[in-house]
Each structure stands twice: as structure tokens, then as C-alpha cells.
Amino acid sequence: MKVAPLPTVLLLSVALVIPWTSVQAQKRDEITGKVLYRYTDEKGIQVLDDQVPPRFVAKGYEILSLSGQVLKVVPPPPTGEELAEQRRRAAQREQDHRLLKRFNSVADIESARARKLATVEQDMAIMRSNISSLGRQIEQEESVAARTQRAGREVAPELLQRIADLREEVAVLNERLGRREAEAVAINEEYDRAAARYAEIAGK
């Protein structure tokens, strides 16, 4: 006895009902909160259970519906080194974003370097000029003091104080000059890094 084939429309209806039923089951599992957990035990065997023992949580696990659909994958928590690497990459992305927002090209970076250095170098030139001028004043005052001593007279306290004050001014200026020189070096290093990083990003 031959069985008549099912009509095409009926076959399509059956095919549609099966996945629809699966979706409905999954939604029902999610709504009712009934789920299963799949994790790997100490022997490397995958286990399906209604909970994950605390000692296996750090290895990561999967949350499945009762119908076997993977609802969520919970990866292992990152290690200290991985966290540090994530923070480093996030900081680098932020720096790159600011760099691209601030400059349009390597030439733009070099122009900014030149402008910033020009201000610092102008300050250093003024300080060097002042140091030189104060040095000449000190020589003059010390020459007067030396002539006074050679004449057998006592050098006036006011003259000695002026010499001490001038030397103090020179010391202060030299300290400021040193800081400015260090600043110029830091500016060059900063813009060297910026130019190199910009070229690296633009080349990707």
C-alpha cells in the first residue's frame, strides 16, 4: 500500500513549526529563569549542571536554555597582566585620539614644536644676557674692592653687600636657565614621540 506524499504546503508548515517551537521554548526558559550551566571541571571534562561550583567559575562557563541554546558565554576573568595590558591599550587609544585631534600631519607637529621652542629659547637668551650683564657688574665692583684693599683701606660693607647680591642674582638666573634648558630637551623629546607615533598611525 502506497502512502500518498504530503502536500507541499503541509511540509512547509511542519518545517516552520519546529524552529518556531524552539524559539518559543528558548523564550520561555529565559522568562522563567530556568537555565543550565556548562563548565569544565578539573579533569578537563565539560559538565552540564544547574549551577557552577565556585571553584570552576574562574575558568569561565556558558549559560544554556533547557533546549540547549547558548544564551550567554561568561569568559574567565582577566589576569593581572591582562588587566594591565587592557589599561595600557586603553590609555594608548586615548592618547592616539588626542594626537589625531590636535594635529593634522607630521609637518603640523614640527611647526608646533618650533613655536614652543621659540618661546623657551627667547627666555633663555634673555637670561643669558642678564647673567652676562651681572657678571660685568660683579667684575667692576670687585675691581673697586681690590683697589680699596691695595690702598690699605677697608672695603665698605655696602660694596661687599652689592657684590653678594649680584652673585645671588646670577645664581638664581643660572638655576632658572637650567630649568629652561631641561624644558627645551623635554619639549624635543615630547614632539619626537608625537611625530613618530603620528607617522606610525598614519601608516596603518
Protein backbone atom coordinates (compact mmCIF):
# COMPACT_ATOMS: atom_id res chain seq x y z
CA MET A 1 0.00 0.00 0.00
CA LYS A 2 1.45 3.28 -1.05
CA VAL A 3 1.25 6.32 1.19
CA ALA A 4 0.39 9.48 -0.63
CA PRO A 5 3.05 12.18 -0.22
CA LEU A 6 2.14 15.09 2.00
CA PRO A 7 1.18 18.25 0.21
CA THR A 8 3.99 20.78 -0.17
CA VAL A 9 2.10 23.35 1.88
CA LEU A 10 1.80 20.92 4.78
CA LEU A 11 5.51 20.09 4.64
CA LEU A 12 6.38 23.78 4.80
CA SER A 13 4.05 24.22 7.74
CA VAL A 14 5.76 21.41 9.66
CA ALA A 15 9.21 22.84 8.86
CA LEU A 16 8.17 26.25 10.17
CA VAL A 17 6.58 24.89 13.34
CA ILE A 18 9.76 23.14 14.52
CA PRO A 19 12.06 26.23 14.68
CA TRP A 20 9.18 28.37 15.95
CA THR A 21 8.64 25.90 18.76
CA SER A 22 12.36 26.00 19.56
CA VAL A 23 12.34 29.80 19.73
CA GLN A 24 9.28 29.77 21.95
CA ALA A 25 10.94 27.23 24.27
CA GLN A 26 14.03 29.38 24.49
CA LYS A 27 11.98 32.47 25.33
CA ARG A 28 10.06 30.51 27.93
CA ASP A 29 13.31 29.36 29.53
CA GLU A 30 14.59 32.90 29.63
CA ILE A 31 11.37 34.24 31.16
CA THR A 32 11.10 31.52 33.80
CA GLY A 33 14.80 31.74 34.57
CA LYS A 34 15.30 28.03 34.04
CA VAL A 35 18.76 27.61 32.58
CA LEU A 36 21.68 25.21 32.62
CA TYR A 37 25.38 25.89 33.05
CA ARG A 38 28.16 24.25 31.10
CA TYR A 39 31.65 24.39 32.57
CA THR A 40 34.90 22.42 32.51
CA ASP A 41 35.90 20.50 35.62
CA GLU A 42 39.38 19.78 36.98
CA LYS A 43 39.72 16.79 34.63
CA GLY A 44 39.03 18.89 31.57
CA ILE A 45 35.58 17.35 31.09
CA GLN A 46 32.64 19.55 30.17
CA VAL A 47 29.84 19.32 32.71
CA LEU A 48 26.20 20.39 32.35
CA ASP A 49 24.60 21.37 35.65
CA ASP A 50 22.07 23.75 37.20
CA GLN A 51 24.88 25.71 38.84
CA VAL A 52 28.61 26.33 38.56
CA PRO A 53 30.69 25.36 41.60
CA PRO A 54 32.64 28.42 42.80
CA ARG A 55 35.99 26.74 42.19
CA PHE A 56 35.22 26.47 38.44
CA VAL A 57 33.84 29.99 37.91
CA ALA A 58 37.32 31.38 37.22
CA LYS A 59 37.63 29.08 34.19
CA GLY A 60 34.58 30.63 32.52
CA TYR A 61 31.32 28.92 31.62
CA GLU A 62 28.27 29.01 29.34
CA ILE A 63 24.62 29.61 30.17
CA LEU A 64 22.21 27.45 28.16
CA SER A 65 18.46 27.26 27.84
CA LEU A 66 16.78 23.95 28.70
CA SER A 67 16.52 23.36 24.97
CA GLY A 68 20.31 23.55 24.63
CA GLN A 69 20.56 27.05 23.13
CA VAL A 70 23.63 29.01 24.32
CA LEU A 71 22.26 32.16 25.90
CA LYS A 72 25.49 33.67 27.18
CA VAL A 73 29.19 32.93 27.31
CA VAL A 74 30.94 34.07 30.50
CA PRO A 75 34.69 34.18 29.82
CA PRO A 76 37.33 33.65 32.51
CA PRO A 77 38.15 36.87 34.38
CA PRO A 78 41.33 38.54 33.07
CA THR A 79 44.61 38.04 34.92
CA GLY A 80 46.56 40.89 36.46
CA GLU A 81 48.82 41.05 33.41
CA GLU A 82 45.82 41.06 31.07
CA LEU A 83 44.18 43.86 33.05
CA ALA A 84 47.39 45.88 32.91
CA GLU A 85 47.61 45.31 29.16
CA GLN A 86 43.97 46.35 28.72
CA ARG A 87 44.59 49.56 30.65
CA ARG A 88 47.74 50.24 28.63
CA ARG A 89 45.89 49.79 25.35
CA ALA A 90 43.02 51.96 26.51
CA ALA A 91 45.45 54.71 27.52
CA GLN A 92 47.24 54.41 24.18
CA ARG A 93 43.94 54.68 22.29
CA GLU A 94 43.07 57.82 24.26
CA GLN A 95 46.50 59.33 23.56
CA ASP A 96 46.19 58.50 19.87
CA HIS A 97 42.73 60.09 19.76
CA ARG A 98 44.05 63.31 21.30
CA LEU A 99 47.06 63.29 18.97
CA LEU A 100 44.93 62.95 15.82
CA LYS A 101 42.53 65.59 17.11
CA ARG A 102 45.34 68.04 17.86
CA PHE A 103 47.46 67.65 14.71
CA ASN A 104 46.71 67.17 11.04
CA SER A 105 50.14 65.96 9.90
CA VAL A 106 53.75 65.41 10.99
CA ALA A 107 54.55 68.84 9.50
CA ASP A 108 51.91 70.33 11.80
CA ILE A 109 53.68 68.69 14.76
CA GLU A 110 57.04 70.13 13.69
CA SER A 111 55.50 73.62 13.39
CA ALA A 112 54.08 73.33 16.91
CA ARG A 113 57.50 72.22 18.18
CA ALA A 114 59.20 75.20 16.58
CA ARG A 115 56.70 77.66 18.09
CA LYS A 116 57.03 76.20 21.58
CA LEU A 117 60.83 76.07 21.42
CA ALA A 118 60.98 79.64 20.14
CA THR A 119 59.38 80.93 23.34
CA VAL A 120 61.71 78.89 25.55
CA GLU A 121 64.80 79.87 23.57
CA GLN A 122 63.83 83.55 23.75
CA ASP A 123 63.59 83.31 27.53
CA MET A 124 66.97 81.56 27.68
CA ALA A 125 68.56 84.24 25.51
CA ILE A 126 67.28 86.97 27.84
CA MET A 127 68.56 85.13 30.91
CA ARG A 128 71.99 84.57 29.36
CA SER A 129 72.17 88.27 28.51
CA ASN A 130 71.22 89.22 32.07
CA ILE A 131 73.80 86.79 33.50
CA SER A 132 76.46 88.30 31.29
CA SER A 133 75.49 91.83 32.32
CA LEU A 134 75.51 90.93 36.01
CA GLY A 135 78.90 89.29 35.55
CA ARG A 136 80.35 92.54 34.24
CA GLN A 137 78.88 94.45 37.18
CA ILE A 138 80.41 91.96 39.61
CA GLU A 139 83.82 92.38 37.94
CA GLN A 140 83.55 96.17 38.25
CA GLU A 141 82.53 96.07 41.90
CA GLU A 142 85.23 93.52 42.72
CA SER A 143 87.80 95.72 40.93
CA VAL A 144 86.80 98.66 43.13
CA ALA A 145 87.06 96.47 46.23
CA ALA A 146 90.51 95.24 45.17
CA ARG A 147 91.83 98.79 44.61
CA THR A 148 90.50 99.81 48.01
CA GLN A 149 92.31 96.90 49.66
CA ARG A 150 95.54 97.65 47.79
CA ALA A 151 95.33 101.21 49.04
CA GLY A 152 95.26 99.83 52.56
CA ARG A 153 91.71 100.90 53.20
CA GLU A 154 88.82 98.81 54.40
CA VAL A 155 86.23 97.88 51.82
CA ALA A 156 82.87 99.44 52.59
CA PRO A 157 80.24 96.91 53.82
CA GLU A 158 77.78 98.37 51.28
CA LEU A 159 80.13 97.40 48.42
CA LEU A 160 80.58 93.88 49.74
CA GLN A 161 76.79 93.55 50.08
CA ARG A 162 76.25 94.72 46.48
CA ILE A 163 78.71 92.08 45.26
CA ALA A 164 76.94 89.38 47.30
CA ASP A 165 73.53 90.46 45.96
CA LEU A 166 74.79 90.41 42.38
CA ARG A 167 76.20 86.92 42.85
CA GLU A 168 72.88 85.78 44.30
CA GLU A 169 71.04 87.15 41.25
CA VAL A 170 73.42 85.26 38.99
CA ALA A 171 72.83 82.04 40.93
CA VAL A 172 69.04 82.44 40.64
CA LEU A 173 69.26 83.14 36.92
CA ASN A 174 71.53 80.15 36.37
CA GLU A 175 69.03 77.92 38.17
CA ARG A 176 66.16 79.26 36.04
CA LEU A 177 68.25 78.87 32.92
CA GLY A 178 68.96 75.25 33.82
CA ARG A 179 65.24 74.56 34.20
CA ARG A 180 64.52 76.17 30.85
CA GLU A 181 67.25 74.11 29.18
CA ALA A 182 65.74 70.94 30.65
CA GLU A 183 62.33 72.09 29.42
CA ALA A 184 63.70 72.50 25.89
CA VAL A 185 65.05 68.95 25.99
CA ALA A 186 61.67 67.66 27.26
CA ILE A 187 59.83 69.53 24.50
CA ASN A 188 62.03 67.98 21.84
CA GLU A 189 61.52 64.50 23.30
CA GLU A 190 57.74 65.02 23.54
CA TYR A 191 57.43 66.16 19.93
CA ASP A 192 59.80 63.43 18.73
CA ARG A 193 57.44 60.86 20.25
CA ALA A 194 54.38 62.62 18.85
CA ALA A 195 55.82 62.76 15.34
CA ALA A 196 56.92 59.12 15.42
CA ARG A 197 53.54 57.94 16.75
CA TYR A 198 51.61 60.06 14.24
CA ALA A 199 53.65 58.61 11.37
CA GLU A 200 53.01 55.10 12.74
CA ILE A 201 49.25 55.66 12.99
CA ALA A 202 49.05 57.31 9.56
CA GLY A 203 50.96 54.41 8.04
CA LYS A 204 48.49 51.80 9.27
